């Protein structure tokens, strides 16, 4: 199994751990459960929007597809890796709504894994697209970059 496929397998394994680690929200206030549900819904919306915006460039692997384009529209105007942001919102929302130390640990590990994958992607995209450096300078990896004062 190559590095890219191993990273994707680890990503899905962590998502499974997060889902399995929830405690069904027992003892959590309804407001906390609602906040978690809102984060999860936001993550789902961002995931669909990001995937549709990428179109034929979409791949679960950190290595971009051959002859792909550098997408800079939709959520990619502000963030280089909105699908990873969406996955973290989904995982975080689930964890907030359901609770469970296993889900918390899984979400933190997922964040580290996605940061690693994002670095691989940024390096590969920089090699393929000369305008990636300017794009990277004006966007954040997972969150929009705040303007300098």
N, C-alpha and C. Protein backbone atom coordinates (compact mmCIF):
# COMPACT_ATOMS: atom_id res chain seq x y z
N UNK A 1 0.86 -1.17 0.00
CA UNK A 1 0.00 0.00 0.00
C UNK A 1 0.90 1.24 0.00
N UNK A 2 0.63 2.18 -0.90
CA UNK A 2 1.49 3.36 -0.95
C UNK A 2 1.09 4.38 0.12
N UNK A 3 1.88 5.41 0.27
CA UNK A 3 1.66 6.43 1.30
C UNK A 3 0.28 7.07 1.19
N UNK A 4 -0.13 7.47 -0.02
CA UNK A 4 -1.42 8.14 -0.19
C UNK A 4 -2.57 7.26 0.28
N UNK A 5 -2.56 6.02 -0.13
CA UNK A 5 -3.65 5.11 0.25
C UNK A 5 -3.62 4.81 1.75
N UNK A 6 -2.44 4.74 2.33
CA UNK A 6 -2.33 4.52 3.77
C UNK A 6 -2.91 5.70 4.55
N UNK A 7 -2.66 6.91 4.07
CA UNK A 7 -3.22 8.09 4.73
C UNK A 7 -4.74 8.12 4.64
N UNK A 8 -5.28 7.76 3.49
CA UNK A 8 -6.73 7.72 3.33
C UNK A 8 -7.33 6.62 4.22
N UNK A 9 -6.68 5.47 4.28
CA UNK A 9 -7.17 4.38 5.14
C UNK A 9 -7.16 4.81 6.60
N UNK A 10 -6.10 5.50 7.02
CA UNK A 10 -6.02 5.99 8.40
C UNK A 10 -7.11 7.02 8.67
N UNK A 11 -7.37 7.87 7.69
CA UNK A 11 -8.42 8.87 7.82
C UNK A 11 -9.78 8.20 8.06
N UNK A 12 -10.11 7.21 7.25
CA UNK A 12 -11.40 6.52 7.42
C UNK A 12 -11.45 5.72 8.71
N UNK A 13 -10.33 5.17 9.11
CA UNK A 13 -10.28 4.44 10.38
C UNK A 13 -10.55 5.39 11.55
N UNK A 14 -9.95 6.57 11.51
CA UNK A 14 -10.19 7.55 12.57
C UNK A 14 -11.64 8.02 12.58
N UNK A 15 -12.22 8.21 11.40
CA UNK A 15 -13.63 8.60 11.35
C UNK A 15 -14.51 7.51 11.98
N UNK A 16 -14.18 6.26 11.73
CA UNK A 16 -14.93 5.15 12.34
C UNK A 16 -14.77 5.15 13.86
N UNK A 17 -13.56 5.41 14.34
CA UNK A 17 -13.31 5.48 15.79
C UNK A 17 -14.13 6.61 16.40
N UNK A 18 -14.16 7.76 15.73
CA UNK A 18 -14.91 8.90 16.23
C UNK A 18 -16.40 8.55 16.33
N UNK A 19 -16.93 7.95 15.29
CA UNK A 19 -18.35 7.56 15.30
C UNK A 19 -18.65 6.55 16.39
N UNK A 20 -17.77 5.58 16.54
CA UNK A 20 -18.00 4.53 17.53
C UNK A 20 -17.77 5.02 18.95
N UNK A 21 -16.98 6.07 19.11
CA UNK A 21 -16.61 6.55 20.44
C UNK A 21 -17.63 7.43 21.11
N UNK A 22 -18.67 7.84 20.37
CA UNK A 22 -19.70 8.70 20.96
C UNK A 22 -20.55 7.96 21.98
N UNK A 23 -21.01 8.67 23.00
CA UNK A 23 -21.78 8.04 24.08
C UNK A 23 -23.28 8.30 23.95
N UNK A 24 -23.73 8.65 22.78
CA UNK A 24 -25.16 8.92 22.52
C UNK A 24 -25.68 10.14 23.26
N UNK A 25 -24.81 11.02 23.65
CA UNK A 25 -25.20 12.28 24.24
C UNK A 25 -25.81 12.18 25.62
N UNK A 26 -25.70 11.03 26.26
CA UNK A 26 -26.27 10.86 27.60
C UNK A 26 -25.72 11.91 28.55
N UNK A 27 -26.62 12.60 29.24
CA UNK A 27 -26.24 13.58 30.22
C UNK A 27 -25.78 14.91 29.65
N UNK A 28 -25.80 15.06 28.34
CA UNK A 28 -25.39 16.33 27.74
C UNK A 28 -26.62 17.23 27.62
N UNK A 29 -26.48 18.49 27.96
CA UNK A 29 -27.61 19.40 27.82
C UNK A 29 -28.07 19.48 26.36
N UNK A 30 -29.32 19.71 26.17
CA UNK A 30 -29.87 19.81 24.81
C UNK A 30 -29.17 20.92 24.00
N UNK A 31 -28.81 22.00 24.68
CA UNK A 31 -28.13 23.09 23.97
C UNK A 31 -26.77 22.63 23.43
N UNK A 32 -26.07 21.80 24.17
CA UNK A 32 -24.78 21.27 23.71
C UNK A 32 -25.01 20.31 22.55
N UNK A 33 -26.03 19.47 22.66
CA UNK A 33 -26.35 18.56 21.57
C UNK A 33 -26.74 19.34 20.32
N UNK A 34 -27.50 20.43 20.50
CA UNK A 34 -27.91 21.26 19.36
C UNK A 34 -26.69 21.94 18.71
N UNK A 35 -25.77 22.41 19.54
CA UNK A 35 -24.55 23.03 19.00
C UNK A 35 -23.75 22.01 18.19
N UNK A 36 -23.65 20.80 18.70
CA UNK A 36 -22.95 19.74 17.97
C UNK A 36 -23.65 19.42 16.66
N UNK A 37 -24.96 19.37 16.69
CA UNK A 37 -25.73 19.10 15.46
C UNK A 37 -25.53 20.22 14.44
N UNK A 38 -25.47 21.46 14.91
CA UNK A 38 -25.25 22.59 14.01
C UNK A 38 -23.86 22.51 13.35
N UNK A 39 -22.84 22.17 14.14
CA UNK A 39 -21.50 21.99 13.58
C UNK A 39 -21.49 20.87 12.54
N UNK A 40 -22.17 19.78 12.87
CA UNK A 40 -22.23 18.64 11.95
C UNK A 40 -22.92 19.03 10.65
N UNK A 41 -24.03 19.74 10.76
CA UNK A 41 -24.75 20.19 9.56
C UNK A 41 -23.89 21.14 8.74
N UNK A 42 -23.21 22.07 9.41
CA UNK A 42 -22.31 22.97 8.70
C UNK A 42 -21.21 22.21 7.97
N UNK A 43 -20.67 21.19 8.62
CA UNK A 43 -19.64 20.37 7.99
C UNK A 43 -20.17 19.63 6.78
N UNK A 44 -21.38 19.11 6.87
CA UNK A 44 -21.97 18.39 5.74
C UNK A 44 -22.20 19.33 4.56
N UNK A 45 -22.72 20.51 4.84
CA UNK A 45 -22.95 21.50 3.76
C UNK A 45 -21.63 21.88 3.10
N UNK A 46 -20.61 22.16 3.91
CA UNK A 46 -19.30 22.53 3.37
C UNK A 46 -18.68 21.38 2.58
N UNK A 47 -18.86 20.16 3.04
CA UNK A 47 -18.33 18.98 2.35
C UNK A 47 -18.94 18.85 0.95
N UNK A 48 -20.25 18.96 0.86
CA UNK A 48 -20.92 18.84 -0.44
C UNK A 48 -20.52 19.99 -1.36
N UNK A 49 -20.53 21.21 -0.83
CA UNK A 49 -20.17 22.39 -1.63
C UNK A 49 -18.74 22.27 -2.15
N UNK A 50 -17.83 21.86 -1.30
CA UNK A 50 -16.42 21.73 -1.69
C UNK A 50 -16.23 20.64 -2.75
N UNK A 51 -16.87 19.52 -2.54
CA UNK A 51 -16.76 18.43 -3.52
C UNK A 51 -17.32 18.81 -4.88
N UNK A 52 -18.46 19.48 -4.87
CA UNK A 52 -19.06 19.91 -6.13
C UNK A 52 -18.18 20.96 -6.82
N UNK A 53 -17.57 21.83 -6.04
CA UNK A 53 -16.70 22.86 -6.61
C UNK A 53 -15.47 22.23 -7.25
N UNK A 54 -14.90 21.21 -6.62
CA UNK A 54 -13.72 20.54 -7.20
C UNK A 54 -14.06 19.80 -8.48
N UNK A 55 -15.26 19.24 -8.55
CA UNK A 55 -15.66 18.51 -9.76
C UNK A 55 -14.71 17.39 -10.10
N UNK A 56 -14.20 17.39 -11.32
CA UNK A 56 -13.33 16.31 -11.79
C UNK A 56 -11.97 16.29 -11.10
N UNK A 57 -11.64 17.33 -10.36
CA UNK A 57 -10.38 17.38 -9.63
C UNK A 57 -10.44 16.65 -8.30
N UNK A 58 -11.61 16.19 -7.91
CA UNK A 58 -11.81 15.56 -6.60
C UNK A 58 -11.12 14.20 -6.52
N UNK A 59 -10.33 14.02 -5.49
CA UNK A 59 -9.71 12.74 -5.18
C UNK A 59 -9.51 12.66 -3.67
N UNK A 60 -9.67 11.48 -3.08
CA UNK A 60 -9.42 11.37 -1.64
C UNK A 60 -7.91 11.35 -1.32
N UNK A 61 -7.10 11.16 -2.32
CA UNK A 61 -5.66 11.05 -2.14
C UNK A 61 -5.01 12.42 -2.03
N UNK A 62 -3.93 12.54 -1.28
CA UNK A 62 -3.27 13.85 -1.17
C UNK A 62 -2.51 14.26 -2.43
N UNK A 63 -2.21 13.32 -3.31
CA UNK A 63 -1.56 13.66 -4.57
C UNK A 63 -2.63 14.08 -5.57
N UNK A 64 -2.52 15.29 -6.14
CA UNK A 64 -3.54 15.75 -7.10
C UNK A 64 -3.60 14.88 -8.34
N UNK A 65 -4.75 14.91 -9.00
CA UNK A 65 -4.90 14.12 -10.23
C UNK A 65 -4.06 14.74 -11.34
N UNK A 66 -3.68 13.90 -12.29
CA UNK A 66 -2.91 14.38 -13.44
C UNK A 66 -3.75 15.35 -14.25
N UNK A 67 -3.12 16.38 -14.74
CA UNK A 67 -3.75 17.39 -15.58
C UNK A 67 -4.95 18.07 -14.90
N UNK A 68 -4.92 18.10 -13.58
CA UNK A 68 -5.97 18.80 -12.84
C UNK A 68 -5.72 20.30 -12.84
N UNK A 69 -6.73 21.04 -12.43
CA UNK A 69 -6.59 22.48 -12.34
C UNK A 69 -6.53 22.90 -10.88
N UNK A 70 -5.99 24.09 -10.64
CA UNK A 70 -5.95 24.65 -9.29
C UNK A 70 -7.26 25.41 -9.09
N UNK A 71 -8.17 24.82 -8.36
CA UNK A 71 -9.48 25.42 -8.14
C UNK A 71 -9.35 26.52 -7.09
N UNK A 72 -9.86 27.72 -7.44
CA UNK A 72 -9.79 28.87 -6.55
C UNK A 72 -11.14 29.56 -6.43
N UNK A 73 -12.21 28.82 -6.65
CA UNK A 73 -13.55 29.38 -6.58
C UNK A 73 -14.33 28.69 -5.46
N UNK A 74 -15.55 29.16 -5.22
CA UNK A 74 -16.36 28.58 -4.16
C UNK A 74 -15.63 28.71 -2.83
N UNK A 75 -15.67 27.67 -2.00
CA UNK A 75 -15.00 27.75 -0.70
C UNK A 75 -13.47 27.84 -0.84
N UNK A 76 -12.96 27.46 -2.01
CA UNK A 76 -11.52 27.49 -2.25
C UNK A 76 -11.00 28.92 -2.45
N UNK A 77 -11.90 29.91 -2.53
CA UNK A 77 -11.46 31.31 -2.58
C UNK A 77 -10.81 31.71 -1.27
N UNK A 78 -11.27 31.10 -0.17
CA UNK A 78 -10.83 31.50 1.17
C UNK A 78 -9.94 30.47 1.86
N UNK A 79 -10.13 29.20 1.52
CA UNK A 79 -9.47 28.10 2.23
C UNK A 79 -8.95 27.09 1.20
N UNK A 80 -7.72 26.63 1.39
CA UNK A 80 -7.14 25.68 0.45
C UNK A 80 -7.67 24.26 0.62
N UNK A 81 -8.12 23.90 1.83
CA UNK A 81 -8.54 22.53 2.10
C UNK A 81 -9.90 22.49 2.80
N UNK A 82 -10.95 23.01 2.15
CA UNK A 82 -12.25 23.07 2.82
C UNK A 82 -12.87 21.69 3.09
N UNK A 83 -12.50 20.69 2.32
CA UNK A 83 -13.03 19.34 2.61
C UNK A 83 -12.48 18.86 3.95
N UNK A 84 -11.23 19.17 4.23
CA UNK A 84 -10.66 18.78 5.53
C UNK A 84 -11.32 19.58 6.65
N UNK A 85 -11.59 20.86 6.39
CA UNK A 85 -12.33 21.66 7.37
C UNK A 85 -13.69 21.03 7.63
N UNK A 86 -14.35 20.61 6.55
CA UNK A 86 -15.67 19.99 6.68
C UNK A 86 -15.60 18.70 7.50
N UNK A 87 -14.59 17.88 7.26
CA UNK A 87 -14.44 16.65 8.03
C UNK A 87 -14.21 16.94 9.51
N UNK A 88 -13.44 17.99 9.79
CA UNK A 88 -13.21 18.36 11.19
C UNK A 88 -14.47 18.92 11.84
N UNK A 89 -15.28 19.65 11.08
CA UNK A 89 -16.56 20.12 11.60
C UNK A 89 -17.50 18.95 11.89
N UNK A 90 -17.52 17.98 10.97
CA UNK A 90 -18.35 16.79 11.17
C UNK A 90 -17.90 16.02 12.42
N UNK A 91 -16.60 15.78 12.51
CA UNK A 91 -16.07 15.03 13.65
C UNK A 91 -16.25 15.81 14.95
N UNK A 92 -15.96 17.10 14.91
CA UNK A 92 -16.11 17.93 16.10
C UNK A 92 -17.56 18.05 16.52
N UNK A 93 -18.45 18.22 15.57
CA UNK A 93 -19.87 18.31 15.88
C UNK A 93 -20.39 17.03 16.51
N UNK A 94 -20.00 15.91 15.95
CA UNK A 94 -20.39 14.61 16.51
C UNK A 94 -19.87 14.48 17.94
N UNK A 95 -18.62 14.87 18.14
CA UNK A 95 -18.00 14.76 19.45
C UNK A 95 -18.68 15.67 20.47
N UNK A 96 -19.00 16.89 20.07
CA UNK A 96 -19.70 17.82 20.97
C UNK A 96 -21.08 17.27 21.32
N UNK A 97 -21.81 16.80 20.31
CA UNK A 97 -23.18 16.33 20.53
C UNK A 97 -23.24 15.03 21.32
N UNK A 98 -22.30 14.14 21.07
CA UNK A 98 -22.37 12.81 21.65
C UNK A 98 -21.46 12.59 22.84
N UNK A 99 -20.37 13.33 22.89
CA UNK A 99 -19.42 13.14 23.99
C UNK A 99 -18.55 11.92 23.79
N UNK A 100 -17.71 11.65 24.74
CA UNK A 100 -16.86 10.46 24.70
C UNK A 100 -15.41 10.81 24.48
N UNK A 101 -14.57 10.32 25.38
CA UNK A 101 -13.13 10.59 25.28
C UNK A 101 -12.52 10.01 24.01
N UNK A 102 -13.04 8.86 23.60
CA UNK A 102 -12.51 8.23 22.39
C UNK A 102 -12.76 9.12 21.18
N UNK A 103 -13.96 9.71 21.10
CA UNK A 103 -14.27 10.63 19.99
C UNK A 103 -13.39 11.87 20.04
N UNK A 104 -13.14 12.40 21.22
CA UNK A 104 -12.27 13.56 21.37
C UNK A 104 -10.86 13.21 20.87
N UNK A 105 -10.33 12.09 21.33
CA UNK A 105 -8.99 11.68 20.91
C UNK A 105 -8.95 11.43 19.41
N UNK A 106 -9.96 10.78 18.88
CA UNK A 106 -10.01 10.52 17.44
C UNK A 106 -10.06 11.80 16.63
N UNK A 107 -10.81 12.78 17.11
CA UNK A 107 -10.91 14.06 16.40
C UNK A 107 -9.57 14.79 16.41
N UNK A 108 -8.87 14.77 17.53
CA UNK A 108 -7.55 15.40 17.60
C UNK A 108 -6.55 14.70 16.69
N UNK A 109 -6.59 13.37 16.67
CA UNK A 109 -5.70 12.63 15.76
C UNK A 109 -6.05 12.90 14.30
N UNK A 110 -7.35 12.99 14.02
CA UNK A 110 -7.78 13.30 12.65
C UNK A 110 -7.27 14.67 12.23
N UNK A 111 -7.32 15.65 13.12
CA UNK A 111 -6.82 16.99 12.80
C UNK A 111 -5.33 16.93 12.43
N UNK A 112 -4.56 16.17 13.17
CA UNK A 112 -3.13 16.02 12.86
C UNK A 112 -2.90 15.33 11.52
N UNK A 113 -3.67 14.29 11.28
CA UNK A 113 -3.54 13.56 10.01
C UNK A 113 -3.90 14.46 8.83
N UNK A 114 -5.00 15.21 8.96
CA UNK A 114 -5.42 16.08 7.86
C UNK A 114 -4.42 17.21 7.64
N UNK A 115 -3.79 17.69 8.70
CA UNK A 115 -2.76 18.71 8.55
C UNK A 115 -1.59 18.14 7.76
N UNK A 116 -1.23 16.90 8.06
CA UNK A 116 -0.15 16.23 7.32
C UNK A 116 -0.52 16.07 5.84
N UNK A 117 -1.73 15.59 5.58
CA UNK A 117 -2.19 15.43 4.19
C UNK A 117 -2.21 16.77 3.46
N UNK A 118 -2.64 17.83 4.15
CA UNK A 118 -2.69 19.15 3.53
C UNK A 118 -1.29 19.61 3.12
N UNK A 119 -0.30 19.33 3.94
CA UNK A 119 1.08 19.69 3.60
C UNK A 119 1.56 18.97 2.35
N UNK A 120 1.23 17.69 2.25
CA UNK A 120 1.59 16.91 1.06
C UNK A 120 0.91 17.50 -0.17
N UNK A 121 -0.37 17.83 -0.05
CA UNK A 121 -1.11 18.41 -1.17
C UNK A 121 -0.53 19.75 -1.59
N UNK A 122 -0.25 20.61 -0.60
CA UNK A 122 0.29 21.93 -0.94
C UNK A 122 1.62 21.81 -1.67
N UNK A 123 2.46 20.89 -1.23
CA UNK A 123 3.75 20.70 -1.90
C UNK A 123 3.55 20.22 -3.34
N UNK A 124 2.67 19.25 -3.54
CA UNK A 124 2.41 18.72 -4.88
C UNK A 124 1.77 19.77 -5.78
N UNK A 125 0.82 20.53 -5.24
CA UNK A 125 0.16 21.56 -6.04
C UNK A 125 1.13 22.67 -6.43
N UNK A 126 2.07 22.99 -5.54
CA UNK A 126 3.07 24.02 -5.85
C UNK A 126 3.96 23.58 -7.00
N UNK A 127 4.24 22.28 -7.08
CA UNK A 127 5.06 21.76 -8.18
C UNK A 127 4.30 21.78 -9.50
N UNK A 128 2.99 21.60 -9.44
CA UNK A 128 2.17 21.52 -10.65
C UNK A 128 1.66 22.86 -11.16
N UNK A 129 1.46 23.80 -10.23
CA UNK A 129 0.81 25.06 -10.60
C UNK A 129 1.65 26.25 -10.12
N UNK A 130 2.22 27.01 -11.05
CA UNK A 130 3.06 28.16 -10.67
C UNK A 130 2.32 29.20 -9.82
N UNK A 131 0.99 29.31 -9.98
CA UNK A 131 0.24 30.32 -9.22
C UNK A 131 -0.17 29.84 -7.83
N UNK A 132 0.29 28.64 -7.43
CA UNK A 132 -0.07 28.13 -6.11
C UNK A 132 0.56 28.96 -4.99
N UNK A 133 1.75 29.49 -5.19
CA UNK A 133 2.41 30.28 -4.14
C UNK A 133 1.58 31.51 -3.79
N UNK A 134 1.07 32.20 -4.79
CA UNK A 134 0.23 33.38 -4.54
C UNK A 134 -1.09 32.97 -3.89
N UNK A 135 -1.66 31.87 -4.36
CA UNK A 135 -2.90 31.34 -3.78
C UNK A 135 -2.69 30.99 -2.31
N UNK A 136 -1.58 30.33 -2.03
CA UNK A 136 -1.27 29.94 -0.65
C UNK A 136 -1.07 31.16 0.25
N UNK A 137 -0.47 32.19 -0.30
CA UNK A 137 -0.21 33.40 0.48
C UNK A 137 -1.49 34.12 0.89
N UNK A 138 -2.55 33.98 0.10
CA UNK A 138 -3.78 34.72 0.42
C UNK A 138 -4.87 33.86 1.06
N UNK A 139 -4.62 32.55 1.22
CA UNK A 139 -5.62 31.67 1.82
C UNK A 139 -5.04 30.94 3.02
N UNK A 140 -5.92 30.52 3.90
CA UNK A 140 -5.51 29.68 5.01
C UNK A 140 -5.67 28.22 4.62
N UNK A 141 -5.05 27.34 5.36
CA UNK A 141 -5.16 25.91 5.06
C UNK A 141 -6.56 25.40 5.38
N UNK A 142 -7.05 25.64 6.60
CA UNK A 142 -8.35 25.13 7.03
C UNK A 142 -9.34 26.24 7.34
N UNK A 143 -8.83 27.41 7.72
CA UNK A 143 -9.66 28.56 8.03
C UNK A 143 -9.22 29.73 7.17
N UNK A 144 -10.12 30.66 6.87
CA UNK A 144 -9.70 31.83 6.08
C UNK A 144 -8.59 32.59 6.78
N UNK A 145 -7.68 33.11 5.99
CA UNK A 145 -6.57 33.91 6.51
C UNK A 145 -7.11 35.29 6.89
N UNK A 146 -6.75 35.73 8.07
CA UNK A 146 -7.17 37.06 8.51
C UNK A 146 -6.30 38.10 7.85
N UNK A 147 -6.90 39.22 7.39
CA UNK A 147 -6.09 40.25 6.75
C UNK A 147 -5.11 40.88 7.74
N UNK A 148 -3.95 41.24 7.24
CA UNK A 148 -2.95 41.90 8.07
C UNK A 148 -3.42 43.32 8.40
N UNK A 149 -3.07 43.78 9.56
CA UNK A 149 -3.50 45.14 9.97
C UNK A 149 -2.59 46.17 9.42
